[in-house]
C-alpha atoms as a PDB file:
ATOM      1  CA  MET A   1      18.942 -25.231  -6.547  1.00  0.00           C
ATOM      2  CA  ARG A   2      15.233 -25.654  -7.279  1.00  0.00           C
ATOM      3  CA  ASP A   3      13.320 -23.539  -9.798  1.00  0.00           C
ATOM      4  CA  LYS A   4      11.190 -20.909  -8.080  1.00  0.00           C
ATOM      5  CA  ILE A   5       7.628 -20.121  -9.166  1.00  0.00           C
ATOM      6  CA  LEU A   6       5.626 -17.098  -8.044  1.00  0.00           C
ATOM      7  CA  ILE A   7       1.901 -17.901  -7.919  1.00  0.00           C
ATOM      8  CA  VAL A   8      -0.329 -14.821  -8.215  1.00  0.00           C
ATOM      9  CA  ASP A   9      -4.029 -15.466  -7.562  1.00  0.00           C
ATOM     10  CA  ASP A  10      -6.536 -13.819  -5.236  1.00  0.00           C
ATOM     11  CA  ASP A  11      -8.187 -17.184  -4.525  1.00  0.00           C
ATOM     12  CA  ARG A  12      -6.473 -18.774  -1.514  1.00  0.00           C
ATOM     13  CA  GLU A  13      -7.691 -22.269  -2.425  1.00  0.00           C
ATOM     14  CA  ILE A  14      -6.201 -22.046  -5.911  1.00  0.00           C
ATOM     15  CA  ARG A  15      -2.872 -20.891  -4.456  1.00  0.00           C
ATOM     16  CA  ASP A  16      -2.965 -23.786  -1.962  1.00  0.00           C
ATOM     17  CA  VAL A  17      -3.656 -26.372  -4.693  1.00  0.00           C
ATOM     18  CA  LEU A  18      -0.923 -24.955  -6.918  1.00  0.00           C
ATOM     19  CA  ARG A  19       1.576 -24.804  -4.047  1.00  0.00           C
ATOM     20  CA  ILE A  20       0.944 -28.436  -3.090  1.00  0.00           C
ATOM     21  CA  LEU A  21       1.123 -29.589  -6.728  1.00  0.00           C
ATOM     22  CA  LEU A  22       4.270 -27.649  -7.599  1.00  0.00           C
ATOM     23  CA  THR A  23       6.219 -28.310  -4.397  1.00  0.00           C
ATOM     24  CA  GLY A  24       5.381 -31.995  -4.839  1.00  0.00           C
ATOM     25  CA  GLU A  25       7.062 -31.762  -8.256  1.00  0.00           C
ATOM     26  CA  GLY A  26      10.207 -30.228  -6.771  1.00  0.00           C
ATOM     27  CA  PHE A  27       9.588 -26.526  -7.359  1.00  0.00           C
ATOM     28  CA  GLU A  28      10.072 -23.829  -4.757  1.00  0.00           C
ATOM     29  CA  VAL A  29       6.939 -21.657  -4.503  1.00  0.00           C
ATOM     30  CA  ALA A  30       6.239 -18.086  -3.458  1.00  0.00           C
ATOM     31  CA  GLU A  31       2.730 -16.634  -3.362  1.00  0.00           C
ATOM     32  CA  ALA A  32       1.025 -13.290  -3.860  1.00  0.00           C
ATOM     33  CA  ALA A  33      -2.677 -12.642  -3.279  1.00  0.00           C
ATOM     34  CA  GLY A  34      -2.868  -9.863  -5.868  1.00  0.00           C
ATOM     35  CA  GLY A  35      -1.091  -7.846  -8.507  1.00  0.00           C
ATOM     36  CA  GLU A  36       0.388  -5.143  -6.311  1.00  0.00           C
ATOM     37  CA  GLU A  37       1.716  -7.745  -3.882  1.00  0.00           C
ATOM     38  CA  ALA A  38       3.282  -9.648  -6.789  1.00  0.00           C
ATOM     39  CA  LEU A  39       5.006  -6.555  -8.185  1.00  0.00           C
ATOM     40  CA  GLU A  40       6.296  -5.673  -4.726  1.00  0.00           C
ATOM     41  CA  TYR A  41       7.631  -9.214  -4.318  1.00  0.00           C
ATOM     42  CA  LEU A  42       9.378  -9.007  -7.688  1.00  0.00           C
ATOM     43  CA  GLU A  43      11.005  -5.693  -6.751  1.00  0.00           C
ATOM     44  CA  ASN A  44      12.918  -7.573  -4.070  1.00  0.00           C
ATOM     45  CA  HIS A  45      13.193 -11.094  -5.507  1.00  0.00           C
ATOM     46  CA  ALA A  46      12.866 -10.993  -9.324  1.00  0.00           C
ATOM     47  CA  GLN A  47      16.355 -12.431  -9.780  1.00  0.00           C
ATOM     48  CA  ASP A  48      15.227 -15.553  -7.892  1.00  0.00           C
ATOM     49  CA  VAL A  49      11.954 -16.154  -9.791  1.00  0.00           C
ATOM     50  CA  ASP A  50      12.024 -18.540 -12.756  1.00  0.00           C
ATOM     51  CA  LEU A  51       8.293 -18.388 -13.626  1.00  0.00           C
ATOM     52  CA  VAL A  52       5.227 -16.343 -12.692  1.00  0.00           C
ATOM     53  CA  ILE A  53       1.859 -18.120 -12.781  1.00  0.00           C
ATOM     54  CA  LEU A  54      -0.639 -15.288 -13.050  1.00  0.00           C
ATOM     55  CA  ASP A  55      -4.433 -15.147 -12.790  1.00  0.00           C
ATOM     56  CA  VAL A  56      -6.250 -12.541 -14.895  1.00  0.00           C
ATOM     57  CA  MET A  57      -9.330 -11.657 -12.840  1.00  0.00           C
ATOM     58  CA  MET A  58      -8.185 -10.346  -9.477  1.00  0.00           C
ATOM     59  CA  GLU A  59      -9.166  -7.580  -7.089  1.00  0.00           C
ATOM     60  CA  GLY A  60      -7.285  -4.385  -7.823  1.00  0.00           C
ATOM     61  CA  ILE A  61      -5.246  -4.573 -10.998  1.00  0.00           C
ATOM     62  CA  SER A  62      -5.875  -7.332 -13.510  1.00  0.00           C
ATOM     63  CA  GLY A  63      -3.320  -9.935 -14.441  1.00  0.00           C
ATOM     64  CA  TYR A  64      -2.965  -8.303 -17.867  1.00  0.00           C
ATOM     65  CA  HIS A  65      -1.895  -5.019 -16.224  1.00  0.00           C
ATOM     66  CA  VAL A  66       0.420  -6.850 -13.840  1.00  0.00           C
ATOM     67  CA  CYS A  67       2.099  -8.495 -16.823  1.00  0.00           C
ATOM     68  CA  LEU A  68       2.487  -5.166 -18.643  1.00  0.00           C
ATOM     69  CA  ARG A  69       4.104  -3.599 -15.573  1.00  0.00           C
ATOM     70  CA  LEU A  70       6.242  -6.664 -14.960  1.00  0.00           C
ATOM     71  CA  ARG A  71       7.565  -6.498 -18.550  1.00  0.00           C
ATOM     72  CA  GLU A  72       8.743  -2.903 -17.989  1.00  0.00           C
ATOM     73  CA  LYS A  73      11.454  -4.217 -15.630  1.00  0.00           C
ATOM     74  CA  TRP A  74      11.859  -7.984 -15.833  1.00  0.00           C
ATOM     75  CA  ASN A  75      12.061 -10.765 -18.363  1.00  0.00           C
ATOM     76  CA  VAL A  76      10.738 -13.616 -16.210  1.00  0.00           C
ATOM     77  CA  PRO A  77       8.427 -16.042 -18.071  1.00  0.00           C
ATOM     78  CA  VAL A  78       4.688 -15.556 -17.401  1.00  0.00           C
ATOM     79  CA  LEU A  79       2.068 -18.301 -17.597  1.00  0.00           C
ATOM     80  CA  PHE A  80      -1.496 -17.022 -17.386  1.00  0.00           C
ATOM     81  CA  LEU A  81      -3.744 -19.470 -15.513  1.00  0.00           C
ATOM     82  CA  THR A  82      -7.304 -18.210 -15.774  1.00  0.00           C
ATOM     83  CA  ALA A  83     -10.953 -19.040 -16.360  1.00  0.00           C
ATOM     84  CA  LYS A  84     -11.062 -16.537 -19.248  1.00  0.00           C
ATOM     85  CA  SER A  85     -11.165 -18.708 -22.341  1.00  0.00           C
ATOM     86  CA  GLN A  86     -12.304 -16.549 -25.259  1.00  0.00           C
ATOM     87  CA  GLU A  87      -9.913 -16.034 -28.164  1.00  0.00           C
ATOM     88  CA  SER A  88      -9.825 -12.321 -27.322  1.00  0.00           C
ATOM     89  CA  ASP A  89      -8.694 -13.204 -23.773  1.00  0.00           C
ATOM     90  CA  LEU A  90      -5.809 -15.293 -25.068  1.00  0.00           C
ATOM     91  CA  THR A  91      -4.849 -12.526 -27.482  1.00  0.00           C
ATOM     92  CA  MET A  92      -4.894  -9.999 -24.646  1.00  0.00           C
ATOM     93  CA  GLY A  93      -2.729 -12.301 -22.532  1.00  0.00           C
ATOM     94  CA  TYR A  94      -0.101 -12.682 -25.215  1.00  0.00           C
ATOM     95  CA  SER A  95      -0.170  -8.997 -26.168  1.00  0.00           C
ATOM     96  CA  SER A  96       0.332  -7.955 -22.554  1.00  0.00           C
ATOM     97  CA  GLY A  97       3.570  -9.946 -22.493  1.00  0.00           C
ATOM     98  CA  GLY A  98       2.469 -13.427 -21.429  1.00  0.00           C
ATOM     99  CA  ASP A  99       4.467 -16.412 -22.641  1.00  0.00           C
ATOM    100  CA  ASP A 100       1.801 -19.085 -22.177  1.00  0.00           C
ATOM    101  CA  TYR A 101      -1.906 -19.338 -21.385  1.00  0.00           C
ATOM    102  CA  LEU A 102      -3.753 -22.164 -19.640  1.00  0.00           C
ATOM    103  CA  VAL A 103      -7.493 -22.183 -18.964  1.00  0.00           C
ATOM    104  CA  LYS A 104      -9.087 -23.325 -15.670  1.00  0.00           C
ATOM    105  CA  PRO A 105     -10.050 -26.017 -14.977  1.00  0.00           C
ATOM    106  CA  PHE A 106      -6.647 -27.338 -15.965  1.00  0.00           C
ATOM    107  CA  SER A 107      -4.856 -30.654 -16.031  1.00  0.00           C
ATOM    108  CA  PRO A 108      -2.254 -30.808 -13.241  1.00  0.00           C
ATOM    109  CA  ARG A 109       0.085 -32.773 -15.534  1.00  0.00           C
ATOM    110  CA  GLU A 110      -0.214 -30.154 -18.249  1.00  0.00           C
ATOM    111  CA  LEU A 111       0.505 -27.331 -15.800  1.00  0.00           C
ATOM    112  CA  VAL A 112       3.623 -29.080 -14.498  1.00  0.00           C
ATOM    113  CA  ALA A 113       4.795 -29.806 -18.053  1.00  0.00           C
ATOM    114  CA  ARG A 114       4.383 -26.166 -19.038  1.00  0.00           C
ATOM    115  CA  ALA A 115       6.133 -24.986 -15.880  1.00  0.00           C
ATOM    116  CA  ARG A 116       9.096 -27.201 -16.683  1.00  0.00           C
END
């Protein structure tokens, strides 16, 4: 069985690039266009998700808030993938329950290595 990654980003192009990259590396991918959609997906499929790749700046609720809510119910690893690169952003990501933090633009090889 392949590892399943949930990509959460409101930018369709980013989701497309990540899906192509990760499926090419053997991962199964699910997608959500925002935080509420991601939380709804997890309500029904959390047991199948091995990693959540989560953007911070999205319409509706931010990735930080999604991570806080996610942590109330599930223990799935969270990798923030975001353009927010200040030290305070990283601190906020880790304090909201994130396990890793990668800044856009990112190296595809590094993303795959962290996902593994």
